[in-house]
């Protein structure tokens, strides 16, 4: 499997979706935040998983609001691994086992 972006509801542990490109993931996050309000951003996280299955958090909470409100929707999203921390989502770990 190749690299992909994911959205999770971290409060419920529910998977929202996987995306081949970051722009589609950011657009859905923007739609969810617009529909449910900015506080909803505290419930969801956007992450990127490499082809080697290493997952990195991109944004959640206020950082996600800033990402979906900024110029990210106007240009293709590129993963910058230097600024991200490795992250394994507990719900994904339960699914894999």
N, C-alpha and C. Protein backbone atom coordinates (compact mmCIF):
# COMPACT_ATOMS: atom_id res chain seq x y z
N UNK A 1 0.84 -1.18 0.00
CA UNK A 1 0.00 0.00 0.00
C UNK A 1 0.88 1.24 0.00
N UNK A 2 0.47 2.27 -0.72
CA UNK A 2 1.23 3.50 -0.79
C UNK A 2 0.93 4.42 0.37
N UNK A 3 1.53 5.58 0.33
CA UNK A 3 1.31 6.58 1.38
C UNK A 3 -0.10 7.14 1.26
N UNK A 4 -0.65 7.57 2.40
CA UNK A 4 -2.01 8.13 2.41
C UNK A 4 -2.19 9.05 3.61
N UNK A 5 -3.21 9.88 3.53
CA UNK A 5 -3.61 10.78 4.60
C UNK A 5 -4.85 10.19 5.26
N UNK A 6 -5.03 10.43 6.57
CA UNK A 6 -6.19 9.91 7.30
C UNK A 6 -6.79 10.99 8.20
N UNK A 7 -8.09 10.89 8.37
CA UNK A 7 -8.80 11.71 9.36
C UNK A 7 -9.43 10.76 10.37
N UNK A 8 -9.27 11.08 11.66
CA UNK A 8 -9.82 10.28 12.75
C UNK A 8 -10.59 11.17 13.70
N UNK A 9 -11.65 10.64 14.29
CA UNK A 9 -12.31 11.28 15.42
C UNK A 9 -11.63 10.67 16.64
N UNK A 10 -10.78 11.43 17.31
CA UNK A 10 -9.97 10.88 18.40
C UNK A 10 -10.76 10.72 19.69
N UNK A 11 -11.91 11.36 19.80
CA UNK A 11 -12.74 11.20 21.00
C UNK A 11 -13.46 9.86 20.96
N UNK A 12 -14.08 9.56 19.82
CA UNK A 12 -14.81 8.29 19.70
C UNK A 12 -13.92 7.15 19.21
N UNK A 13 -12.76 7.50 18.61
CA UNK A 13 -11.89 6.48 18.03
C UNK A 13 -12.35 6.05 16.65
N UNK A 14 -13.33 6.76 16.09
CA UNK A 14 -13.86 6.39 14.78
C UNK A 14 -12.98 6.91 13.65
N UNK A 15 -12.81 6.07 12.67
CA UNK A 15 -12.10 6.41 11.45
C UNK A 15 -13.03 7.21 10.55
N UNK A 16 -12.56 8.34 10.03
CA UNK A 16 -13.38 9.16 9.14
C UNK A 16 -13.07 8.85 7.68
N UNK A 17 -11.79 8.74 7.32
CA UNK A 17 -11.46 8.42 5.94
C UNK A 17 -9.98 8.46 5.63
N UNK A 18 -9.61 7.77 4.55
CA UNK A 18 -8.26 7.79 4.00
C UNK A 18 -8.30 8.54 2.67
N UNK A 19 -7.20 9.21 2.34
CA UNK A 19 -7.14 10.01 1.13
C UNK A 19 -5.79 9.85 0.47
N UNK A 20 -5.77 9.80 -0.86
CA UNK A 20 -4.52 9.68 -1.60
C UNK A 20 -3.74 10.99 -1.61
N UNK A 21 -4.46 12.11 -1.42
CA UNK A 21 -3.75 13.39 -1.41
C UNK A 21 -4.22 14.24 -0.24
N UNK A 22 -3.33 15.08 0.20
CA UNK A 22 -3.61 15.91 1.36
C UNK A 22 -4.68 16.95 1.12
N UNK A 23 -4.80 17.42 -0.11
CA UNK A 23 -5.77 18.46 -0.39
C UNK A 23 -7.20 17.95 -0.16
N UNK A 24 -7.47 16.71 -0.53
CA UNK A 24 -8.81 16.13 -0.30
C UNK A 24 -9.07 15.97 1.19
N UNK A 25 -8.07 15.54 1.94
CA UNK A 25 -8.22 15.38 3.39
C UNK A 25 -8.45 16.72 4.07
N UNK A 26 -7.70 17.73 3.65
CA UNK A 26 -7.85 19.07 4.22
C UNK A 26 -9.23 19.63 3.88
N UNK A 27 -9.70 19.37 2.67
CA UNK A 27 -11.02 19.88 2.28
C UNK A 27 -12.12 19.25 3.13
N UNK A 28 -12.04 17.93 3.38
CA UNK A 28 -13.05 17.29 4.23
C UNK A 28 -12.97 17.83 5.65
N UNK A 29 -11.75 18.00 6.17
CA UNK A 29 -11.60 18.56 7.52
C UNK A 29 -12.21 19.96 7.56
N UNK A 30 -12.00 20.76 6.53
CA UNK A 30 -12.57 22.11 6.47
C UNK A 30 -14.09 22.04 6.46
N UNK A 31 -14.66 21.10 5.69
CA UNK A 31 -16.11 20.95 5.64
C UNK A 31 -16.68 20.53 6.99
N UNK A 32 -16.00 19.61 7.67
CA UNK A 32 -16.46 19.16 8.99
C UNK A 32 -16.42 20.28 10.01
N UNK A 33 -15.33 21.04 10.01
CA UNK A 33 -15.18 22.14 10.95
C UNK A 33 -16.19 23.24 10.64
N UNK A 34 -16.44 23.49 9.36
CA UNK A 34 -17.44 24.50 8.99
C UNK A 34 -18.84 24.06 9.42
N UNK A 35 -19.11 22.76 9.32
CA UNK A 35 -20.43 22.25 9.66
C UNK A 35 -20.68 22.12 11.15
N UNK A 36 -19.65 21.71 11.90
CA UNK A 36 -19.81 21.45 13.34
C UNK A 36 -19.22 22.53 14.23
N UNK A 37 -18.49 23.48 13.66
CA UNK A 37 -17.89 24.56 14.45
C UNK A 37 -16.43 24.28 14.75
N UNK A 38 -15.70 25.32 15.11
CA UNK A 38 -14.25 25.20 15.34
C UNK A 38 -13.91 24.26 16.48
N UNK A 39 -14.78 24.12 17.47
CA UNK A 39 -14.50 23.21 18.58
C UNK A 39 -14.39 21.76 18.11
N UNK A 40 -15.01 21.44 16.98
CA UNK A 40 -14.95 20.07 16.45
C UNK A 40 -13.51 19.69 16.06
N UNK A 41 -12.69 20.69 15.76
CA UNK A 41 -11.30 20.43 15.39
C UNK A 41 -10.53 19.77 16.52
N UNK A 42 -10.98 19.95 17.77
CA UNK A 42 -10.32 19.29 18.90
C UNK A 42 -10.61 17.79 18.90
N UNK A 43 -11.64 17.36 18.19
CA UNK A 43 -12.02 15.94 18.13
C UNK A 43 -11.32 15.18 17.01
N UNK A 44 -10.87 15.90 15.99
CA UNK A 44 -10.33 15.19 14.82
C UNK A 44 -8.84 15.47 14.64
N UNK A 45 -8.18 14.51 14.01
CA UNK A 45 -6.77 14.70 13.69
C UNK A 45 -6.52 14.26 12.27
N UNK A 46 -5.62 14.99 11.64
CA UNK A 46 -5.16 14.69 10.29
C UNK A 46 -3.76 14.11 10.40
N UNK A 47 -3.56 12.95 9.81
CA UNK A 47 -2.24 12.32 9.86
C UNK A 47 -1.86 11.82 8.48
N UNK A 48 -0.59 11.49 8.32
CA UNK A 48 -0.05 10.95 7.08
C UNK A 48 0.67 9.66 7.41
N UNK A 49 0.43 8.64 6.61
CA UNK A 49 1.08 7.35 6.79
C UNK A 49 1.92 7.05 5.55
N UNK A 50 3.19 6.74 5.77
CA UNK A 50 4.09 6.45 4.66
C UNK A 50 3.84 5.04 4.12
N UNK A 51 4.47 4.74 3.01
CA UNK A 51 4.37 3.40 2.42
C UNK A 51 4.94 2.34 3.37
N UNK A 52 5.80 2.76 4.30
CA UNK A 52 6.36 1.85 5.30
C UNK A 52 5.49 1.75 6.54
N UNK A 53 4.27 2.31 6.47
CA UNK A 53 3.30 2.30 7.57
C UNK A 53 3.77 3.07 8.80
N UNK A 54 4.57 4.11 8.61
CA UNK A 54 4.95 5.02 9.69
C UNK A 54 4.00 6.20 9.65
N UNK A 55 3.26 6.41 10.73
CA UNK A 55 2.24 7.44 10.77
C UNK A 55 2.75 8.67 11.50
N UNK A 56 2.45 9.83 10.92
CA UNK A 56 2.88 11.10 11.49
C UNK A 56 1.68 12.03 11.60
N UNK A 57 1.54 12.65 12.76
CA UNK A 57 0.47 13.61 12.97
C UNK A 57 0.78 14.89 12.19
N UNK A 58 -0.22 15.38 11.47
CA UNK A 58 -0.06 16.66 10.77
C UNK A 58 -0.67 17.77 11.60
N UNK A 59 -1.94 17.61 12.01
CA UNK A 59 -2.58 18.68 12.79
C UNK A 59 -3.83 18.18 13.48
N UNK A 60 -4.14 18.81 14.60
CA UNK A 60 -5.38 18.61 15.32
C UNK A 60 -5.68 19.90 16.08
N UNK A 61 -6.91 20.10 16.50
CA UNK A 61 -7.26 21.27 17.29
C UNK A 61 -7.01 22.58 16.56
N UNK A 62 -6.48 23.60 17.28
CA UNK A 62 -6.25 24.91 16.68
C UNK A 62 -5.31 24.86 15.47
N UNK A 63 -4.35 23.96 15.46
CA UNK A 63 -3.44 23.84 14.31
C UNK A 63 -4.20 23.37 13.07
N UNK A 64 -5.19 22.50 13.27
CA UNK A 64 -6.00 22.03 12.15
C UNK A 64 -6.90 23.15 11.64
N UNK A 65 -7.45 23.95 12.56
CA UNK A 65 -8.27 25.10 12.15
C UNK A 65 -7.41 26.05 11.31
N UNK A 66 -6.20 26.32 11.74
CA UNK A 66 -5.30 27.21 10.99
C UNK A 66 -4.97 26.61 9.63
N UNK A 67 -4.75 25.31 9.58
CA UNK A 67 -4.42 24.65 8.32
C UNK A 67 -5.56 24.75 7.32
N UNK A 68 -6.79 24.47 7.77
CA UNK A 68 -7.92 24.50 6.84
C UNK A 68 -8.36 25.92 6.51
N UNK A 69 -7.96 26.89 7.33
CA UNK A 69 -8.33 28.28 7.08
C UNK A 69 -7.31 29.01 6.22
N UNK A 70 -6.12 28.46 6.14
CA UNK A 70 -5.03 29.13 5.44
C UNK A 70 -4.96 28.79 3.97
N UNK A 71 -3.82 29.07 3.37
CA UNK A 71 -3.65 28.87 1.93
C UNK A 71 -3.50 27.40 1.52
N UNK A 72 -3.58 26.47 2.48
CA UNK A 72 -3.38 25.05 2.15
C UNK A 72 -4.39 24.54 1.13
N UNK A 73 -5.59 25.09 1.13
CA UNK A 73 -6.60 24.64 0.18
C UNK A 73 -6.34 25.16 -1.23
N UNK A 74 -5.48 26.14 -1.36
CA UNK A 74 -5.21 26.74 -2.66
C UNK A 74 -4.00 26.13 -3.37
N UNK A 75 -3.28 25.26 -2.69
CA UNK A 75 -2.09 24.64 -3.29
C UNK A 75 -2.02 23.18 -2.87
N UNK A 76 -1.34 22.36 -3.67
CA UNK A 76 -1.20 20.95 -3.27
C UNK A 76 -0.45 20.84 -1.94
N UNK A 77 -0.88 19.90 -1.11
CA UNK A 77 -0.27 19.72 0.20
C UNK A 77 0.96 18.83 0.07
N UNK A 78 2.04 19.21 0.70
CA UNK A 78 3.27 18.40 0.72
C UNK A 78 3.59 18.07 2.17
N UNK A 79 3.96 16.84 2.40
CA UNK A 79 4.30 16.40 3.75
C UNK A 79 5.70 16.88 4.08
N UNK A 80 5.84 17.52 5.24
CA UNK A 80 7.14 17.95 5.74
C UNK A 80 7.44 17.14 6.98
N UNK A 81 8.16 16.05 6.80
CA UNK A 81 8.39 15.12 7.90
C UNK A 81 9.28 15.71 8.98
N UNK A 82 10.04 16.72 8.68
CA UNK A 82 10.95 17.30 9.66
C UNK A 82 10.17 17.89 10.84
N UNK A 83 9.02 18.50 10.57
CA UNK A 83 8.28 19.20 11.60
C UNK A 83 7.21 18.34 12.27
N UNK A 84 7.16 17.06 11.94
CA UNK A 84 6.11 16.21 12.48
C UNK A 84 6.68 15.17 13.44
N UNK A 85 5.83 14.74 14.34
CA UNK A 85 6.25 13.67 15.24
C UNK A 85 5.61 12.37 14.78
N UNK A 86 6.28 11.28 15.05
CA UNK A 86 5.71 9.98 14.70
C UNK A 86 4.52 9.70 15.60
N UNK A 87 3.53 9.10 15.01
CA UNK A 87 2.29 8.90 15.74
C UNK A 87 1.62 7.62 15.26
N UNK A 88 1.27 6.78 16.16
CA UNK A 88 0.47 5.59 15.86
C UNK A 88 -0.87 5.79 16.54
N UNK A 89 -1.92 5.80 15.77
CA UNK A 89 -3.24 6.02 16.34
C UNK A 89 -3.73 4.74 17.00
N UNK A 90 -4.18 4.78 18.26
CA UNK A 90 -4.62 3.58 18.98
C UNK A 90 -5.72 2.82 18.26
N UNK A 91 -6.64 3.54 17.64
CA UNK A 91 -7.73 2.85 16.93
C UNK A 91 -7.19 2.05 15.76
N UNK A 92 -6.20 2.59 15.06
CA UNK A 92 -5.60 1.87 13.94
C UNK A 92 -4.87 0.62 14.44
N UNK A 93 -4.24 0.72 15.59
CA UNK A 93 -3.54 -0.43 16.16
C UNK A 93 -4.54 -1.55 16.49
N UNK A 94 -5.72 -1.17 17.00
CA UNK A 94 -6.74 -2.18 17.31
C UNK A 94 -7.25 -2.84 16.04
N UNK A 95 -7.40 -2.07 14.97
CA UNK A 95 -7.88 -2.61 13.71
C UNK A 95 -6.88 -3.59 13.13
N UNK A 96 -5.59 -3.25 13.23
CA UNK A 96 -4.53 -4.08 12.64
C UNK A 96 -4.38 -5.42 13.36
N UNK A 97 -4.75 -5.50 14.63
CA UNK A 97 -4.55 -6.75 15.35
C UNK A 97 -5.75 -7.65 15.32
